[in-house]
Amino acid sequence: MGLNVRQRLRVRPLYRQHLWHLIMATCMPYTSLLVCCIWIRHSVSLTLSSWYKPVPYKVCPALHHGMGTPLMIHVKARSSPYPESQVERYPVPDNYVSWSIPWAEYEPLDYTADIVRAGPEWADPDFREEGQSEDGPRFNTLDGRIDRTSFVGCYELDEDKLPRNPMGRTGITSRGLLGKWGPNHAADPIVTRWKREAGEKVIHEQSGKPILQFVAIKRKDCGEWAIPGGMVDNG
């Protein structure tokens, strides 16, 4: 039996009301989850924007400033002697790695390897020496064809306008064996494959998961195994 216009007008508000109650009953259990997801997405977006896009030169704060301790305490960057030398670093205990911990007695050794000081094409000149630019490199930004931003975030400069390691004190200052002031970018290709026998994946006995193999090299300078790669050229 059909409804006339007046009856249909009475039914519409009831239909809309029941539809609204149905939607609310269905969605309410997930409202807090939805709000949480939106908050997480917003927080991640803010984190990524500050993590990968440092603010302009001389303005951005260091990533670990005021955090008490770094996210990860480096070990090799404090070991002595410095690679390919007999240079001893200033000893840095774990509790003084973070730049946010005051340490008036800290006297890092100023060291740049002879191969870097010789001025090869892949190395920056020492802007502290007479005749070099007074302004020096532009840190935390693209400096001409040289990318001086860090993937770890913004890094501080010390009182001598030298970049600080964003992960904390290392017991040494200047460049050591590295050519660039600030970040020295490298690219390491990761090549993997599943271990197979007779065309089938080999399963690890204890974990029950397939075994993943990767290409590695043995370094000539220290004898340790590493992922192959090299330094990134300017531009």
Protein backbone atom coordinates (compact mmCIF):
# COMPACT_ATOMS: atom_id res chain seq x y z
CA MET A 1 0.00 0.00 0.00
CA GLY A 2 1.50 3.35 -0.98
CA LEU A 3 1.86 6.41 1.26
CA ASN A 4 0.63 9.84 0.39
CA VAL A 5 2.83 12.93 0.60
CA ARG A 6 1.79 13.88 4.15
CA GLN A 7 2.45 10.36 5.47
CA ARG A 8 5.86 10.24 3.80
CA LEU A 9 6.76 13.54 5.47
CA ARG A 10 5.90 12.04 8.89
CA VAL A 11 7.99 8.93 8.21
CA ARG A 12 11.17 10.79 7.12
CA PRO A 13 12.03 12.30 10.58
CA LEU A 14 11.47 8.89 12.22
CA TYR A 15 13.63 7.19 9.59
CA ARG A 16 16.43 9.74 10.06
CA GLN A 17 16.23 9.41 13.86
CA HIS A 18 16.49 5.61 13.72
CA LEU A 19 19.32 5.86 11.19
CA TRP A 20 21.22 8.27 13.47
CA HIS A 21 20.82 5.91 16.48
CA LEU A 22 22.05 3.02 14.33
CA ILE A 23 25.13 4.96 13.21
CA MET A 24 25.95 6.07 16.78
CA ALA A 25 25.50 2.53 18.16
CA THR A 26 27.84 1.20 15.48
CA CYS A 27 30.51 3.92 15.64
CA MET A 28 30.72 4.78 19.35
CA PRO A 29 32.90 1.77 20.27
CA TYR A 30 35.40 2.90 17.64
CA THR A 31 35.30 6.63 18.36
CA SER A 32 38.18 6.57 20.84
CA LEU A 33 40.20 4.39 18.46
CA LEU A 34 39.52 6.83 15.60
CA VAL A 35 40.54 9.81 17.73
CA CYS A 36 43.69 7.94 18.82
CA CYS A 37 44.59 7.12 15.19
CA ILE A 38 44.11 10.75 14.16
CA TRP A 39 46.28 11.90 17.08
CA ILE A 40 48.99 9.37 16.21
CA ARG A 41 48.98 10.38 12.52
CA HIS A 42 49.20 14.04 13.53
CA SER A 43 52.02 13.35 16.00
CA VAL A 44 53.96 11.28 13.45
CA SER A 45 53.56 14.04 10.87
CA LEU A 46 54.94 16.61 13.30
CA THR A 47 57.82 14.31 14.20
CA LEU A 48 58.72 13.65 10.58
CA SER A 49 58.54 17.32 9.71
CA SER A 50 61.00 18.23 12.47
CA TRP A 51 63.11 15.09 11.90
CA TYR A 52 63.73 15.39 8.17
CA LYS A 53 63.31 19.12 7.56
CA PRO A 54 65.67 21.07 9.81
CA VAL A 55 64.90 24.75 10.17
CA PRO A 56 67.29 27.22 8.52
CA TYR A 57 70.97 27.68 9.33
CA LYS A 58 71.98 28.88 12.82
CA VAL A 59 68.41 28.69 14.10
CA CYS A 60 67.55 25.05 14.64
CA PRO A 61 68.02 23.50 18.09
CA ALA A 62 69.85 20.20 18.51
CA LEU A 63 67.72 17.07 18.53
CA HIS A 64 68.90 15.88 21.94
CA HIS A 65 69.09 19.26 23.64
CA GLY A 66 67.64 19.04 27.15
CA MET A 67 66.76 15.35 26.87
CA GLY A 68 69.22 14.20 29.54
CA THR A 69 70.71 11.33 27.55
CA PRO A 70 70.94 10.56 23.83
CA LEU A 71 68.55 8.07 22.28
CA MET A 72 71.51 5.72 21.75
CA ILE A 73 74.95 5.90 23.35
CA HIS A 74 77.68 5.41 20.77
CA VAL A 75 80.66 3.20 21.59
CA LYS A 76 82.94 3.00 18.54
CA ALA A 77 82.97 6.78 18.16
CA ARG A 78 84.69 6.96 21.57
CA SER A 79 87.21 4.16 21.11
CA SER A 80 90.97 4.74 20.94
CA PRO A 81 93.20 4.88 19.08
CA TYR A 82 91.44 6.75 16.29
CA PRO A 83 91.29 4.60 13.10
CA GLU A 84 94.50 4.44 11.07
CA SER A 85 96.41 6.44 13.68
CA GLN A 86 97.86 6.35 17.18
CA VAL A 87 95.72 9.28 18.29
CA GLU A 88 94.08 8.85 21.69
CA ARG A 89 90.70 10.45 22.26
CA TYR A 90 89.81 12.37 25.38
CA PRO A 91 88.09 9.70 27.54
CA VAL A 92 84.30 10.15 27.65
CA PRO A 93 82.34 8.04 30.17
CA ASP A 94 78.77 6.98 29.36
CA ASN A 95 77.18 9.50 31.70
CA TYR A 96 78.91 12.42 29.94
CA VAL A 97 78.16 11.49 26.33
CA SER A 98 75.10 13.75 26.07
CA TRP A 99 75.73 17.42 25.27
CA SER A 100 72.93 18.35 27.65
CA ILE A 101 75.12 17.26 30.61
CA PRO A 102 77.48 20.12 31.61
CA TRP A 103 81.15 19.12 31.65
CA ALA A 104 83.55 22.03 32.09
CA GLU A 105 86.61 19.75 32.15
CA TYR A 106 85.95 18.33 28.69
CA GLU A 107 88.93 18.95 26.39
CA PRO A 108 88.53 16.99 23.14
CA LEU A 109 91.58 16.50 20.95
CA ASP A 110 91.63 18.58 17.75
CA TYR A 111 92.61 16.10 15.05
CA THR A 112 92.44 16.03 11.25
CA ALA A 113 94.30 13.28 9.37
CA ASP A 114 97.15 14.30 7.07
CA ILE A 115 95.33 12.85 4.04
CA VAL A 116 92.46 15.29 4.68
CA ARG A 117 94.71 18.25 5.43
CA ALA A 118 96.46 17.67 2.09
CA GLY A 119 93.33 19.04 0.42
CA PRO A 120 92.02 16.31 -1.90
CA GLU A 121 89.02 17.21 -4.07
CA TRP A 122 86.61 15.32 -1.78
CA ALA A 123 87.64 17.29 1.31
CA ASP A 124 86.63 20.74 2.56
CA PRO A 125 89.36 23.30 3.22
CA ASP A 126 89.97 24.22 6.84
CA PHE A 127 87.96 27.42 7.12
CA ARG A 128 89.77 28.28 10.36
CA GLU A 129 93.06 28.79 8.55
CA GLU A 130 94.16 32.19 7.26
CA GLY A 131 92.93 33.03 3.77
CA GLN A 132 89.80 30.89 3.99
CA SER A 133 86.26 32.25 4.09
CA GLU A 134 85.43 33.91 7.40
CA ASP A 135 81.85 32.69 7.26
CA GLY A 136 82.82 29.06 6.87
CA PRO A 137 80.42 26.30 5.79
CA ARG A 138 76.66 26.77 6.12
CA PHE A 139 75.50 24.04 8.48
CA ASN A 140 72.08 22.37 8.76
CA THR A 141 71.22 23.34 5.19
CA LEU A 142 72.23 22.84 1.56
CA ASP A 143 75.60 24.61 1.21
CA GLY A 144 75.97 25.08 -2.53
CA ARG A 145 76.29 21.52 -3.89
CA ILE A 146 77.13 20.07 -0.46
CA ASP A 147 74.29 18.74 1.68
CA ARG A 148 75.14 19.63 5.28
CA THR A 149 71.84 18.46 6.76
CA SER A 150 71.80 15.37 8.96
CA PHE A 151 69.30 12.52 8.82
CA VAL A 152 69.36 12.48 12.62
CA GLY A 153 68.05 16.03 12.84
CA CYS A 154 69.60 19.40 13.57
CA TYR A 155 72.99 19.61 15.23
CA GLU A 156 74.57 22.35 17.33
CA LEU A 157 77.73 24.34 16.76
CA ASP A 158 80.24 24.85 19.54
CA GLU A 159 81.83 28.15 20.58
CA ASP A 160 84.33 27.81 17.69
CA LYS A 161 81.48 27.34 15.17
CA LEU A 162 82.43 23.69 14.70
CA PRO A 163 79.57 21.17 14.35
CA ARG A 164 78.90 18.89 17.28
CA ASN A 165 78.18 15.20 16.81
CA PRO A 166 74.37 15.01 17.31
CA MET A 167 74.78 11.72 19.19
CA GLY A 168 77.04 13.27 21.84
CA ARG A 169 80.69 13.73 22.80
CA THR A 170 83.34 11.60 21.09
CA GLY A 171 86.55 12.84 22.74
CA ILE A 172 87.74 14.41 19.49
CA THR A 173 86.98 17.50 17.41
CA SER A 174 87.61 18.55 13.79
CA ARG A 175 87.27 15.96 11.01
CA GLY A 176 89.62 13.05 11.61
CA LEU A 177 89.52 10.98 8.42
CA LEU A 178 86.32 12.59 7.15
CA GLY A 179 86.44 15.16 4.37
CA LYS A 180 83.40 17.31 5.13
CA TRP A 181 82.65 19.61 8.01
CA GLY A 182 79.42 18.32 9.52
CA PRO A 183 77.61 15.28 8.06
CA ASN A 184 79.52 13.00 5.67
CA HIS A 185 76.85 11.12 3.73
CA ALA A 186 77.37 7.55 2.57
CA ALA A 187 75.24 5.15 0.50
CA ASP A 188 75.19 1.43 1.28
CA PRO A 189 73.19 -0.87 -1.05
CA ILE A 190 71.56 -3.80 0.73
CA VAL A 191 71.29 -6.91 -1.47
CA THR A 192 69.37 -9.88 -0.03
CA ARG A 193 68.01 -13.26 -1.05
CA TRP A 194 66.29 -16.19 0.61
CA LYS A 195 68.53 -19.17 1.24
CA ARG A 196 67.27 -22.04 -0.91
CA GLU A 197 68.01 -25.71 -1.45
CA ALA A 198 66.50 -27.56 -4.43
CA GLY A 199 64.46 -24.45 -5.15
CA GLU A 200 62.81 -24.37 -1.73
CA LYS A 201 63.44 -21.87 1.08
CA VAL A 202 65.59 -23.18 3.90
CA ILE A 203 63.84 -22.88 7.26
CA HIS A 204 65.76 -22.04 10.43
CA GLU A 205 65.42 -24.92 12.89
CA GLN A 206 64.91 -22.83 16.04
CA SER A 207 62.81 -19.89 14.80
CA GLY A 208 60.89 -21.73 12.10
CA LYS A 209 61.41 -18.81 9.73
CA PRO A 210 63.12 -18.72 6.31
CA ILE A 211 66.79 -17.71 6.31
CA LEU A 212 67.62 -14.37 4.69
CA GLN A 213 71.11 -13.90 3.24
CA PHE A 214 72.80 -10.61 2.35
CA VAL A 215 75.93 -9.39 0.58
CA ALA A 216 78.75 -8.27 2.90
CA ILE A 217 82.41 -7.30 2.61
CA LYS A 218 85.37 -7.61 4.94
CA ARG A 219 86.94 -4.21 5.53
CA LYS A 220 90.67 -3.92 4.90
CA ASP A 221 91.21 -1.21 7.49
CA CYS A 222 89.74 -2.98 10.52
CA GLY A 223 88.98 -6.54 9.38
CA GLU A 224 85.31 -6.27 10.33
CA TRP A 225 82.36 -7.37 8.21
CA ALA A 226 80.25 -4.56 6.74
CA ILE A 227 77.66 -3.69 4.10
CA PRO A 228 79.38 -2.53 0.87
CA GLY A 229 79.06 1.13 -0.05
CA GLY A 230 80.86 4.43 -0.26
CA MET A 231 80.72 8.17 0.28
CA VAL A 232 78.20 10.28 -1.64
CA ASP A 233 79.63 12.81 -4.09
CA ASN A 234 78.61 16.47 -3.96
CA GLY A 235 75.38 17.31 -5.76
